[in-house]
Amino acid sequence: MLPIFVVNNYGQFNHLILRMFRDLGIDARMVPNTLPPKEVAGSCRGIVLGGGPDIGKCGNSPLFLHLGVPVLGICLGLHIIAREFGGSVAPGRMGGYGPVEVELVERSGILEGYPERILVWASHADEVTVVPPGFHLLARSGVCAHEAIAYPEKKIFGLQWHPEVSHTKDGQRVYKNFDAICREYGI
C-alpha cells in the first residue's frame, strides 16, 4: 500500500503530523513542498498539506490538489485549499494559538465519530472568510465561521485547527478517518 504524504510547508507542527501517523501505525512520509507534482502523482494514496507561516512559501502545494488523491489541509493547508478553489482568506480577529470550542455542523467523513462540540487547539492569524464553490461547511466556532470545510466528492478536506497536538481533544480520530478515506480511495 502506498504511503500518505505529509507536505512540509515549514510549519512547527508538520513533524507532529508525521509522528501521529506513525504512532497510529499508518505509513506516512514527509515530502518537501517543492517536489514536482509528477513525482507525487502515483506515489501516495493521500496528501496532508501541513501548516506553515506564510502562504507565499507553499511551493507546489496548490498543484497537489489536482492529482486526484484525497487531501487534508491543516491550518495553512486549509487556506491553500480555499484560495486554490476560489475562496478567500484574510487575517482573523483572534490571531495566536489557543483553545477553541468548535461546533461540528457535519459529523461524517473526516469528522466521523466526534461529538457535536470539541475542544481544539488552533491559530486564527488567518482564516477562511469565503468558502469556495462546491465546498461544504463542516465546523464553526465563535472565533471563526469556517473552522472546517470539505468537498466530499473530490475527497478534499480542510481544518483550521491542529488535530496533531495534545491540546486537541481526540485529534488522532481525524488522522484515522483520513486513513480510512484514503483506503476507500483504493490505492
Protein backbone atom coordinates (compact mmCIF):
# COMPACT_ATOMS: atom_id res chain seq x y z
CA MET A 1 0.00 0.00 0.00
CA LEU A 2 1.28 3.45 -0.87
CA PRO A 3 2.08 5.91 1.95
CA ILE A 4 0.32 9.14 2.83
CA PHE A 5 2.49 12.16 2.05
CA VAL A 6 2.77 14.96 4.61
CA VAL A 7 3.75 18.10 2.70
CA ASN A 8 6.13 20.27 4.69
CA ASN A 9 5.04 23.90 4.42
CA TYR A 10 7.59 24.88 7.09
CA GLY A 11 5.12 24.83 9.98
CA GLN A 12 6.14 23.99 13.51
CA PHE A 13 3.69 21.07 13.75
CA ASN A 14 4.40 19.21 10.50
CA HIS A 15 6.65 16.70 12.26
CA LEU A 16 3.89 16.10 14.81
CA ILE A 17 1.53 15.21 11.95
CA LEU A 18 4.04 12.66 10.69
CA ARG A 19 4.55 11.34 14.22
CA MET A 20 0.79 11.00 14.71
CA PHE A 21 0.50 8.80 11.61
CA ARG A 22 3.45 6.68 12.70
CA ASP A 23 2.08 6.30 16.24
CA LEU A 24 -1.17 5.05 14.66
CA GLY A 25 0.75 2.52 12.54
CA ILE A 26 -0.07 4.36 9.31
CA ASP A 27 2.67 4.57 6.67
CA ALA A 28 3.42 8.25 6.04
CA ARG A 29 6.36 10.22 4.67
CA MET A 30 7.33 13.87 4.87
CA VAL A 31 7.94 15.47 1.49
CA PRO A 32 9.06 19.00 0.59
CA ASN A 33 6.51 21.35 -0.92
CA THR A 34 8.93 21.89 -3.80
CA LEU A 35 8.52 18.31 -5.05
CA PRO A 36 7.27 18.31 -8.66
CA PRO A 37 3.63 17.15 -8.90
CA LYS A 38 4.64 14.41 -11.38
CA GLU A 39 6.78 12.86 -8.59
CA VAL A 40 3.81 12.94 -6.19
CA ALA A 41 1.25 11.53 -8.62
CA GLY A 42 1.03 7.78 -8.27
CA SER A 43 3.46 7.73 -5.32
CA CYS A 44 0.97 8.22 -2.49
CA ARG A 45 -2.60 7.38 -1.55
CA GLY A 46 -3.32 10.69 0.15
CA ILE A 47 -1.77 14.07 0.89
CA VAL A 48 -1.76 16.18 4.04
CA LEU A 49 -0.92 19.82 3.40
CA GLY A 50 0.75 20.80 6.64
CA GLY A 51 0.69 24.19 8.23
CA GLY A 52 3.23 26.94 7.82
CA PRO A 53 3.97 30.57 8.49
CA ASP A 54 3.24 32.07 5.07
CA ILE A 55 1.08 31.11 2.09
CA GLY A 56 3.74 32.70 -0.11
CA LYS A 57 6.07 29.82 0.83
CA CYS A 58 3.65 26.99 -0.01
CA GLY A 59 5.62 25.89 -3.10
CA ASN A 60 3.76 23.37 -5.25
CA SER A 61 1.08 22.65 -2.63
CA PRO A 62 -1.75 24.15 -4.74
CA LEU A 63 -0.79 21.85 -7.63
CA PHE A 64 -1.06 18.77 -5.39
CA LEU A 65 -4.79 19.48 -5.03
CA HIS A 66 -5.35 18.43 -8.64
CA LEU A 67 -3.73 14.98 -8.55
CA GLY A 68 -6.97 13.11 -7.83
CA VAL A 69 -5.94 11.71 -4.43
CA PRO A 70 -7.61 12.59 -1.10
CA VAL A 71 -6.22 15.75 0.53
CA LEU A 72 -6.38 17.02 4.10
CA GLY A 73 -5.30 20.61 4.73
CA ILE A 74 -4.31 21.67 8.24
CA CYS A 75 -4.35 25.41 9.08
CA LEU A 76 -2.28 26.89 6.22
CA GLY A 77 -3.23 23.79 4.23
CA LEU A 78 -6.89 24.82 4.61
CA HIS A 79 -6.03 28.30 3.34
CA ILE A 80 -4.23 26.86 0.31
CA ILE A 81 -7.31 24.78 -0.49
CA ALA A 82 -9.68 27.72 -0.10
CA ARG A 83 -7.65 30.05 -2.32
CA GLU A 84 -6.97 27.44 -4.99
CA PHE A 85 -10.68 26.73 -5.42
CA GLY A 86 -11.90 30.34 -5.41
CA GLY A 87 -12.48 31.10 -1.73
CA SER A 88 -10.95 33.89 0.32
CA VAL A 89 -8.56 34.05 3.26
CA ALA A 90 -7.98 37.09 5.48
CA PRO A 91 -6.47 37.91 8.86
CA GLY A 92 -8.57 36.56 11.73
CA ARG A 93 -9.93 38.56 14.63
CA MET A 94 -8.09 36.48 17.26
CA GLY A 95 -4.64 35.51 15.95
CA GLY A 96 -2.26 33.43 18.08
CA TYR A 97 -2.57 29.80 19.18
CA GLY A 98 -5.09 28.80 21.78
CA PRO A 99 -8.04 26.65 22.76
CA VAL A 100 -11.29 26.94 20.82
CA GLU A 101 -14.59 25.13 21.26
CA VAL A 102 -15.74 24.03 17.82
CA GLU A 103 -19.29 23.13 16.82
CA LEU A 104 -19.43 20.34 14.26
CA VAL A 105 -22.08 21.03 11.66
CA GLU A 106 -21.46 17.76 9.84
CA ARG A 107 -20.02 14.73 11.62
CA SER A 108 -19.22 12.38 8.77
CA GLY A 109 -16.16 11.74 6.61
CA ILE A 110 -13.15 13.42 8.15
CA LEU A 111 -15.13 14.22 11.35
CA GLU A 112 -16.80 10.80 11.71
CA GLY A 113 -17.25 9.71 15.32
CA TYR A 114 -16.89 13.09 17.01
CA PRO A 115 -19.49 14.61 19.36
CA GLU A 116 -21.33 17.81 18.43
CA ARG A 117 -18.72 20.02 20.15
CA ILE A 118 -15.00 19.50 20.63
CA LEU A 119 -12.16 21.46 22.19
CA VAL A 120 -9.32 22.07 19.75
CA TRP A 121 -6.04 23.98 19.56
CA ALA A 122 -5.94 26.47 16.70
CA SER A 123 -4.30 29.53 15.27
CA HIS A 124 -6.54 32.18 13.78
CA ALA A 125 -3.89 34.55 12.47
CA ASP A 126 -5.50 33.91 9.08
CA GLU A 127 -8.79 32.18 8.35
CA VAL A 128 -11.15 31.33 5.51
CA THR A 129 -13.61 34.20 5.03
CA VAL A 130 -15.36 32.87 1.90
CA VAL A 131 -15.88 29.14 1.37
CA PRO A 132 -15.06 28.10 -2.22
CA PRO A 133 -17.83 26.92 -4.56
CA GLY A 134 -18.62 23.21 -4.16
CA PHE A 135 -17.33 23.06 -0.57
CA HIS A 136 -19.50 22.41 2.49
CA LEU A 137 -19.12 23.82 5.97
CA LEU A 138 -18.16 21.08 8.47
CA ALA A 139 -17.45 23.10 11.61
CA ARG A 140 -17.58 26.62 13.06
CA SER A 141 -16.85 28.43 16.29
CA GLY A 142 -17.47 31.74 17.98
CA VAL A 143 -13.98 32.72 16.83
CA CYS A 144 -14.16 31.57 13.20
CA ALA A 145 -17.16 30.95 10.95
CA HIS A 146 -15.29 28.35 8.86
CA GLU A 147 -13.30 26.04 11.15
CA ALA A 148 -13.57 23.10 8.72
CA ILE A 149 -14.75 22.64 5.13
CA ALA A 150 -14.92 19.78 2.66
CA TYR A 151 -15.57 18.91 -0.96
CA PRO A 152 -16.59 15.29 -0.31
CA GLU A 153 -16.87 14.31 -3.98
CA LYS A 154 -13.25 15.32 -4.53
CA LYS A 155 -12.20 13.96 -1.13
CA ILE A 156 -10.67 17.31 -0.14
CA PHE A 157 -10.93 18.42 3.49
CA GLY A 158 -9.55 21.38 5.43
CA LEU A 159 -9.33 22.16 9.14
CA GLN A 160 -8.34 25.41 10.80
CA TRP A 161 -7.22 23.57 13.93
CA HIS A 162 -4.32 21.24 14.67
CA PRO A 163 -5.52 17.68 15.44
CA GLU A 164 -1.93 16.50 15.94
CA VAL A 165 -1.27 18.49 19.12
CA SER A 166 -2.07 17.06 22.55
CA HIS A 167 -4.31 20.06 23.41
CA THR A 168 -6.86 18.99 20.76
CA LYS A 169 -9.37 16.51 22.17
CA ASP A 170 -9.22 13.15 20.36
CA GLY A 171 -7.23 14.66 17.47
CA GLN A 172 -5.97 11.26 16.34
CA ARG A 173 -9.50 10.49 15.11
CA VAL A 174 -9.03 12.97 12.23
CA TYR A 175 -5.96 11.09 11.04
CA LYS A 176 -7.64 7.70 11.45
CA ASN A 177 -10.60 8.99 9.43
CA PHE A 178 -8.28 10.35 6.74
CA ASP A 179 -6.52 7.00 6.53
CA ALA A 180 -9.92 5.30 6.10
CA ILE A 181 -10.85 7.76 3.34
CA CYS A 182 -7.53 7.09 1.60
CA ARG A 183 -8.12 3.32 1.88
CA GLU A 184 -11.59 3.73 0.34
CA TYR A 185 -9.93 5.63 -2.47
CA GLY A 186 -8.46 2.29 -3.43
CA ILE A 187 -4.72 2.74 -3.74
